[in-house]
């Protein structure tokens, strides 16, 4: 379990951090992407429309599959992506895996 917290559907499964591997903490990310340069206000409006996933029935179904719902806005999503990108790049560097060429 690499999430920051234990999954409600598997409360007896410890997280990597709890087992002594805090650097392996990576939450699963699901979100929407739009074209580069999309205005922040439009991104916020779209994010607001998707807060429907915060509905209790949907949240229960997601949690039953081990997913943890964390509804946020565009800035939180971008920050999470940047943090995970940096973490994975650090793992790759430590393992000697070269970065992929950029387009």
N, C-alpha and C. Protein backbone atom coordinates (compact mmCIF):
# COMPACT_ATOMS: atom_id res chain seq x y z
N UNK A 1 0.86 -1.17 0.00
CA UNK A 1 0.00 0.00 0.00
C UNK A 1 0.90 1.23 0.00
N UNK A 2 0.89 1.94 -1.08
CA UNK A 2 1.75 3.13 -1.18
C UNK A 2 1.03 4.43 -0.86
N UNK A 3 -0.29 4.37 -0.63
CA UNK A 3 -1.02 5.60 -0.28
C UNK A 3 -0.55 6.13 1.07
N UNK A 4 -0.87 7.39 1.33
CA UNK A 4 -0.50 8.03 2.60
C UNK A 4 -1.24 7.42 3.78
N UNK A 5 -2.44 6.92 3.53
CA UNK A 5 -3.26 6.32 4.60
C UNK A 5 -3.74 4.94 4.16
N UNK A 6 -4.12 4.15 5.14
CA UNK A 6 -4.65 2.82 4.84
C UNK A 6 -5.98 2.90 4.11
N UNK A 7 -6.21 1.94 3.24
CA UNK A 7 -7.49 1.89 2.52
C UNK A 7 -8.56 1.34 3.46
N UNK A 8 -9.72 1.96 3.51
CA UNK A 8 -10.80 1.45 4.36
C UNK A 8 -11.19 0.01 4.02
N UNK A 9 -11.01 -0.39 2.77
CA UNK A 9 -11.37 -1.75 2.37
C UNK A 9 -10.33 -2.78 2.80
N UNK A 10 -9.16 -2.31 3.23
CA UNK A 10 -8.09 -3.22 3.68
C UNK A 10 -7.39 -2.62 4.90
N UNK A 11 -8.13 -2.45 6.00
CA UNK A 11 -7.57 -1.75 7.16
C UNK A 11 -6.39 -2.47 7.82
N UNK A 12 -6.23 -3.75 7.56
CA UNK A 12 -5.12 -4.49 8.16
C UNK A 12 -3.84 -4.44 7.33
N UNK A 13 -3.91 -3.83 6.15
CA UNK A 13 -2.74 -3.73 5.28
C UNK A 13 -2.02 -2.42 5.59
N UNK A 14 -0.81 -2.54 6.10
CA UNK A 14 -0.02 -1.36 6.47
C UNK A 14 0.45 -0.61 5.23
N UNK A 15 0.65 0.67 5.40
CA UNK A 15 1.21 1.48 4.32
C UNK A 15 2.72 1.28 4.26
N UNK A 16 3.30 1.63 3.13
CA UNK A 16 4.75 1.54 2.99
C UNK A 16 5.44 2.40 4.06
N UNK A 17 4.88 3.57 4.33
CA UNK A 17 5.45 4.46 5.35
C UNK A 17 5.43 3.78 6.71
N UNK A 18 4.31 3.14 7.05
CA UNK A 18 4.21 2.45 8.34
C UNK A 18 5.22 1.32 8.46
N UNK A 19 5.59 0.74 7.33
CA UNK A 19 6.56 -0.36 7.33
C UNK A 19 8.00 0.13 7.26
N UNK A 20 8.19 1.46 7.30
CA UNK A 20 9.54 2.00 7.32
C UNK A 20 10.06 2.47 5.97
N UNK A 21 9.19 2.61 4.99
CA UNK A 21 9.59 3.06 3.66
C UNK A 21 8.83 4.33 3.26
N UNK A 22 9.08 5.43 3.95
CA UNK A 22 8.32 6.66 3.67
C UNK A 22 8.53 7.20 2.26
N UNK A 23 9.68 6.90 1.65
CA UNK A 23 9.93 7.40 0.30
C UNK A 23 9.08 6.70 -0.76
N UNK A 24 8.43 5.61 -0.39
CA UNK A 24 7.59 4.88 -1.34
C UNK A 24 6.13 5.32 -1.29
N UNK A 25 5.86 6.43 -0.63
CA UNK A 25 4.49 6.93 -0.55
C UNK A 25 4.13 7.63 -1.85
N UNK A 26 3.22 7.02 -2.58
CA UNK A 26 2.70 7.59 -3.83
C UNK A 26 1.22 7.31 -3.88
N UNK A 27 0.42 8.35 -3.79
CA UNK A 27 -1.03 8.18 -3.93
C UNK A 27 -1.38 8.00 -5.39
N UNK A 28 -2.39 7.19 -5.65
CA UNK A 28 -2.89 7.08 -7.02
C UNK A 28 -3.56 8.38 -7.41
N UNK A 29 -3.33 8.81 -8.62
CA UNK A 29 -3.92 10.06 -9.09
C UNK A 29 -4.83 9.80 -10.28
N UNK A 30 -5.99 10.39 -10.22
CA UNK A 30 -6.93 10.33 -11.33
C UNK A 30 -7.45 11.75 -11.53
N UNK A 31 -7.42 12.21 -12.74
CA UNK A 31 -7.90 13.55 -13.00
C UNK A 31 -8.10 13.79 -14.48
N UNK A 32 -8.50 14.99 -14.78
CA UNK A 32 -8.72 15.39 -16.17
C UNK A 32 -7.60 16.32 -16.62
N UNK A 33 -7.25 16.21 -17.87
CA UNK A 33 -6.24 17.09 -18.46
C UNK A 33 -6.87 17.83 -19.62
N UNK A 34 -6.44 19.05 -19.80
CA UNK A 34 -6.93 19.87 -20.91
C UNK A 34 -5.74 20.41 -21.68
N UNK A 35 -6.01 21.22 -22.67
CA UNK A 35 -4.92 21.77 -23.47
C UNK A 35 -4.03 22.72 -22.65
N UNK A 36 -2.77 22.78 -23.03
CA UNK A 36 -1.84 23.69 -22.37
C UNK A 36 -2.38 25.12 -22.48
N UNK A 37 -2.24 25.87 -21.41
CA UNK A 37 -2.67 27.26 -21.42
C UNK A 37 -4.15 27.45 -21.13
N UNK A 38 -4.85 26.39 -20.75
CA UNK A 38 -6.27 26.53 -20.42
C UNK A 38 -6.40 27.50 -19.24
N UNK A 39 -7.27 28.48 -19.34
CA UNK A 39 -7.41 29.46 -18.25
C UNK A 39 -7.77 28.79 -16.92
N UNK A 40 -7.19 29.29 -15.85
CA UNK A 40 -7.43 28.73 -14.52
C UNK A 40 -8.91 28.75 -14.16
N UNK A 41 -9.60 29.81 -14.49
CA UNK A 41 -11.03 29.89 -14.15
C UNK A 41 -11.83 28.78 -14.83
N UNK A 42 -11.52 28.45 -16.07
CA UNK A 42 -12.19 27.34 -16.75
C UNK A 42 -11.85 26.02 -16.08
N UNK A 43 -10.58 25.85 -15.71
CA UNK A 43 -10.17 24.62 -15.00
C UNK A 43 -10.92 24.49 -13.69
N UNK A 44 -11.10 25.60 -12.98
CA UNK A 44 -11.85 25.56 -11.71
C UNK A 44 -13.31 25.20 -11.94
N UNK A 45 -13.93 25.75 -12.98
CA UNK A 45 -15.33 25.44 -13.27
C UNK A 45 -15.51 23.96 -13.59
N UNK A 46 -14.60 23.42 -14.39
CA UNK A 46 -14.67 21.99 -14.73
C UNK A 46 -14.49 21.15 -13.48
N UNK A 47 -13.52 21.50 -12.64
CA UNK A 47 -13.29 20.76 -11.40
C UNK A 47 -14.52 20.79 -10.51
N UNK A 48 -15.17 21.93 -10.45
CA UNK A 48 -16.39 22.05 -9.63
C UNK A 48 -17.47 21.11 -10.14
N UNK A 49 -17.59 20.99 -11.45
CA UNK A 49 -18.58 20.08 -12.03
C UNK A 49 -18.31 18.63 -11.64
N UNK A 50 -17.07 18.30 -11.41
CA UNK A 50 -16.72 16.92 -11.10
C UNK A 50 -16.73 16.62 -9.61
N UNK A 51 -17.13 17.58 -8.80
CA UNK A 51 -17.23 17.30 -7.37
C UNK A 51 -18.38 16.36 -7.07
N UNK A 52 -19.13 15.98 -8.10
CA UNK A 52 -20.20 15.00 -7.92
C UNK A 52 -19.64 13.68 -7.42
N UNK A 53 -18.38 13.40 -7.69
CA UNK A 53 -17.80 12.14 -7.20
C UNK A 53 -17.70 12.12 -5.69
N UNK A 54 -17.89 13.27 -5.06
CA UNK A 54 -17.87 13.32 -3.61
C UNK A 54 -19.18 12.79 -3.02
N UNK A 55 -20.12 12.40 -3.86
CA UNK A 55 -21.38 11.79 -3.43
C UNK A 55 -21.07 10.54 -2.61
N UNK A 56 -21.79 10.35 -1.50
CA UNK A 56 -21.52 9.23 -0.60
C UNK A 56 -21.59 7.87 -1.28
N UNK A 57 -22.59 7.67 -2.14
CA UNK A 57 -22.75 6.37 -2.81
C UNK A 57 -21.56 6.07 -3.71
N UNK A 58 -21.12 7.07 -4.45
CA UNK A 58 -19.96 6.87 -5.34
C UNK A 58 -18.70 6.65 -4.51
N UNK A 59 -18.54 7.44 -3.46
CA UNK A 59 -17.35 7.28 -2.60
C UNK A 59 -17.29 5.88 -2.00
N UNK A 60 -18.42 5.35 -1.56
CA UNK A 60 -18.45 4.00 -0.98
C UNK A 60 -18.03 2.94 -2.02
N UNK A 61 -18.50 3.11 -3.24
CA UNK A 61 -18.14 2.15 -4.30
C UNK A 61 -16.64 2.22 -4.61
N UNK A 62 -16.10 3.41 -4.65
CA UNK A 62 -14.66 3.56 -4.91
C UNK A 62 -13.84 2.97 -3.76
N UNK A 63 -14.24 3.27 -2.53
CA UNK A 63 -13.50 2.76 -1.38
C UNK A 63 -13.55 1.24 -1.31
N UNK A 64 -14.64 0.64 -1.77
CA UNK A 64 -14.75 -0.83 -1.78
C UNK A 64 -13.71 -1.47 -2.68
N UNK A 65 -13.21 -0.70 -3.66
CA UNK A 65 -12.19 -1.23 -4.56
C UNK A 65 -10.77 -0.80 -4.12
N UNK A 66 -10.68 -0.20 -2.94
CA UNK A 66 -9.37 0.20 -2.43
C UNK A 66 -8.95 1.61 -2.81
N UNK A 67 -9.82 2.33 -3.50
CA UNK A 67 -9.49 3.70 -3.91
C UNK A 67 -9.89 4.67 -2.82
N UNK A 68 -9.08 5.70 -2.65
CA UNK A 68 -9.35 6.73 -1.66
C UNK A 68 -9.70 8.01 -2.38
N UNK A 69 -10.86 8.54 -2.09
CA UNK A 69 -11.33 9.74 -2.76
C UNK A 69 -10.71 10.97 -2.12
N UNK A 70 -10.13 11.82 -2.95
CA UNK A 70 -9.53 13.07 -2.49
C UNK A 70 -9.83 14.11 -3.57
N UNK A 71 -10.99 14.73 -3.45
CA UNK A 71 -11.42 15.69 -4.46
C UNK A 71 -10.71 17.02 -4.21
N UNK A 72 -10.05 17.52 -5.23
CA UNK A 72 -9.36 18.79 -5.12
C UNK A 72 -9.53 19.58 -6.39
N UNK A 73 -8.95 20.74 -6.39
CA UNK A 73 -9.01 21.60 -7.55
C UNK A 73 -7.80 21.45 -8.44
N UNK A 74 -7.72 22.26 -9.48
CA UNK A 74 -6.63 22.15 -10.44
C UNK A 74 -5.24 22.38 -9.85
N UNK A 75 -5.14 23.31 -8.90
CA UNK A 75 -3.82 23.57 -8.32
C UNK A 75 -3.34 22.39 -7.47
N UNK A 76 -4.26 21.78 -6.71
CA UNK A 76 -3.89 20.63 -5.89
C UNK A 76 -3.47 19.45 -6.77
N UNK A 77 -4.22 19.26 -7.87
CA UNK A 77 -3.89 18.16 -8.78
C UNK A 77 -2.52 18.38 -9.42
N UNK A 78 -2.27 19.60 -9.88
CA UNK A 78 -0.98 19.91 -10.50
C UNK A 78 0.16 19.73 -9.50
N UNK A 79 -0.06 20.14 -8.25
CA UNK A 79 0.97 19.98 -7.22
C UNK A 79 1.26 18.50 -6.97
N UNK A 80 0.20 17.68 -6.89
CA UNK A 80 0.38 16.24 -6.68
C UNK A 80 1.17 15.61 -7.82
N UNK A 81 0.85 16.01 -9.04
CA UNK A 81 1.56 15.49 -10.20
C UNK A 81 3.04 15.87 -10.13
N UNK A 82 3.32 17.13 -9.82
CA UNK A 82 4.71 17.59 -9.72
C UNK A 82 5.47 16.83 -8.64
N UNK A 83 4.82 16.63 -7.49
CA UNK A 83 5.47 15.90 -6.39
C UNK A 83 5.78 14.47 -6.78
N UNK A 84 4.83 13.80 -7.43
CA UNK A 84 5.06 12.41 -7.81
C UNK A 84 6.08 12.31 -8.94
N UNK A 85 6.05 13.25 -9.86
CA UNK A 85 7.04 13.26 -10.94
C UNK A 85 8.45 13.38 -10.34
N UNK A 86 8.62 14.25 -9.37
CA UNK A 86 9.93 14.43 -8.73
C UNK A 86 10.34 13.17 -7.98
N UNK A 87 9.40 12.55 -7.28
CA UNK A 87 9.71 11.33 -6.54
C UNK A 87 10.14 10.21 -7.47
N UNK A 88 9.39 10.01 -8.55
CA UNK A 88 9.71 8.93 -9.49
C UNK A 88 11.04 9.23 -10.20
N UNK A 89 11.29 10.49 -10.53
CA UNK A 89 12.58 10.85 -11.13
C UNK A 89 13.72 10.55 -10.18
N UNK A 90 13.49 10.79 -8.89
CA UNK A 90 14.52 10.47 -7.89
C UNK A 90 14.77 8.97 -7.81
N UNK A 91 13.70 8.16 -7.84
CA UNK A 91 13.86 6.70 -7.84
C UNK A 91 14.66 6.27 -9.05
N UNK A 92 14.30 6.80 -10.22
CA UNK A 92 14.96 6.41 -11.46
C UNK A 92 16.44 6.79 -11.42
N UNK A 93 16.74 7.97 -10.94
CA UNK A 93 18.14 8.41 -10.87
C UNK A 93 18.93 7.50 -9.94
N UNK A 94 18.33 7.17 -8.79
CA UNK A 94 19.00 6.30 -7.83
C UNK A 94 19.26 4.91 -8.42
N UNK A 95 18.37 4.47 -9.28
CA UNK A 95 18.52 3.15 -9.90
C UNK A 95 19.32 3.19 -11.20
N UNK A 96 19.74 4.39 -11.62
CA UNK A 96 20.53 4.52 -12.84
C UNK A 96 19.71 4.45 -14.12
N UNK A 97 18.43 4.72 -14.03
CA UNK A 97 17.58 4.69 -15.21
C UNK A 97 17.57 6.07 -15.84
N UNK A 98 18.00 6.20 -17.09
CA UNK A 98 18.06 7.53 -17.71
C UNK A 98 16.67 8.06 -18.01
N UNK A 99 16.50 9.38 -17.97
CA UNK A 99 15.20 9.96 -18.30
C UNK A 99 14.87 9.76 -19.78
N UNK A 100 13.58 9.73 -20.08
CA UNK A 100 13.14 9.64 -21.47
C UNK A 100 13.39 10.97 -22.16
N UNK A 101 13.70 10.93 -23.45
CA UNK A 101 13.87 12.20 -24.17
C UNK A 101 12.56 12.96 -24.22
N UNK A 102 12.62 14.27 -24.14
CA UNK A 102 11.44 15.13 -24.21
C UNK A 102 11.11 15.42 -25.67
N UNK A 103 9.83 15.51 -25.96
CA UNK A 103 9.39 15.84 -27.34
C UNK A 103 9.65 17.28 -27.64
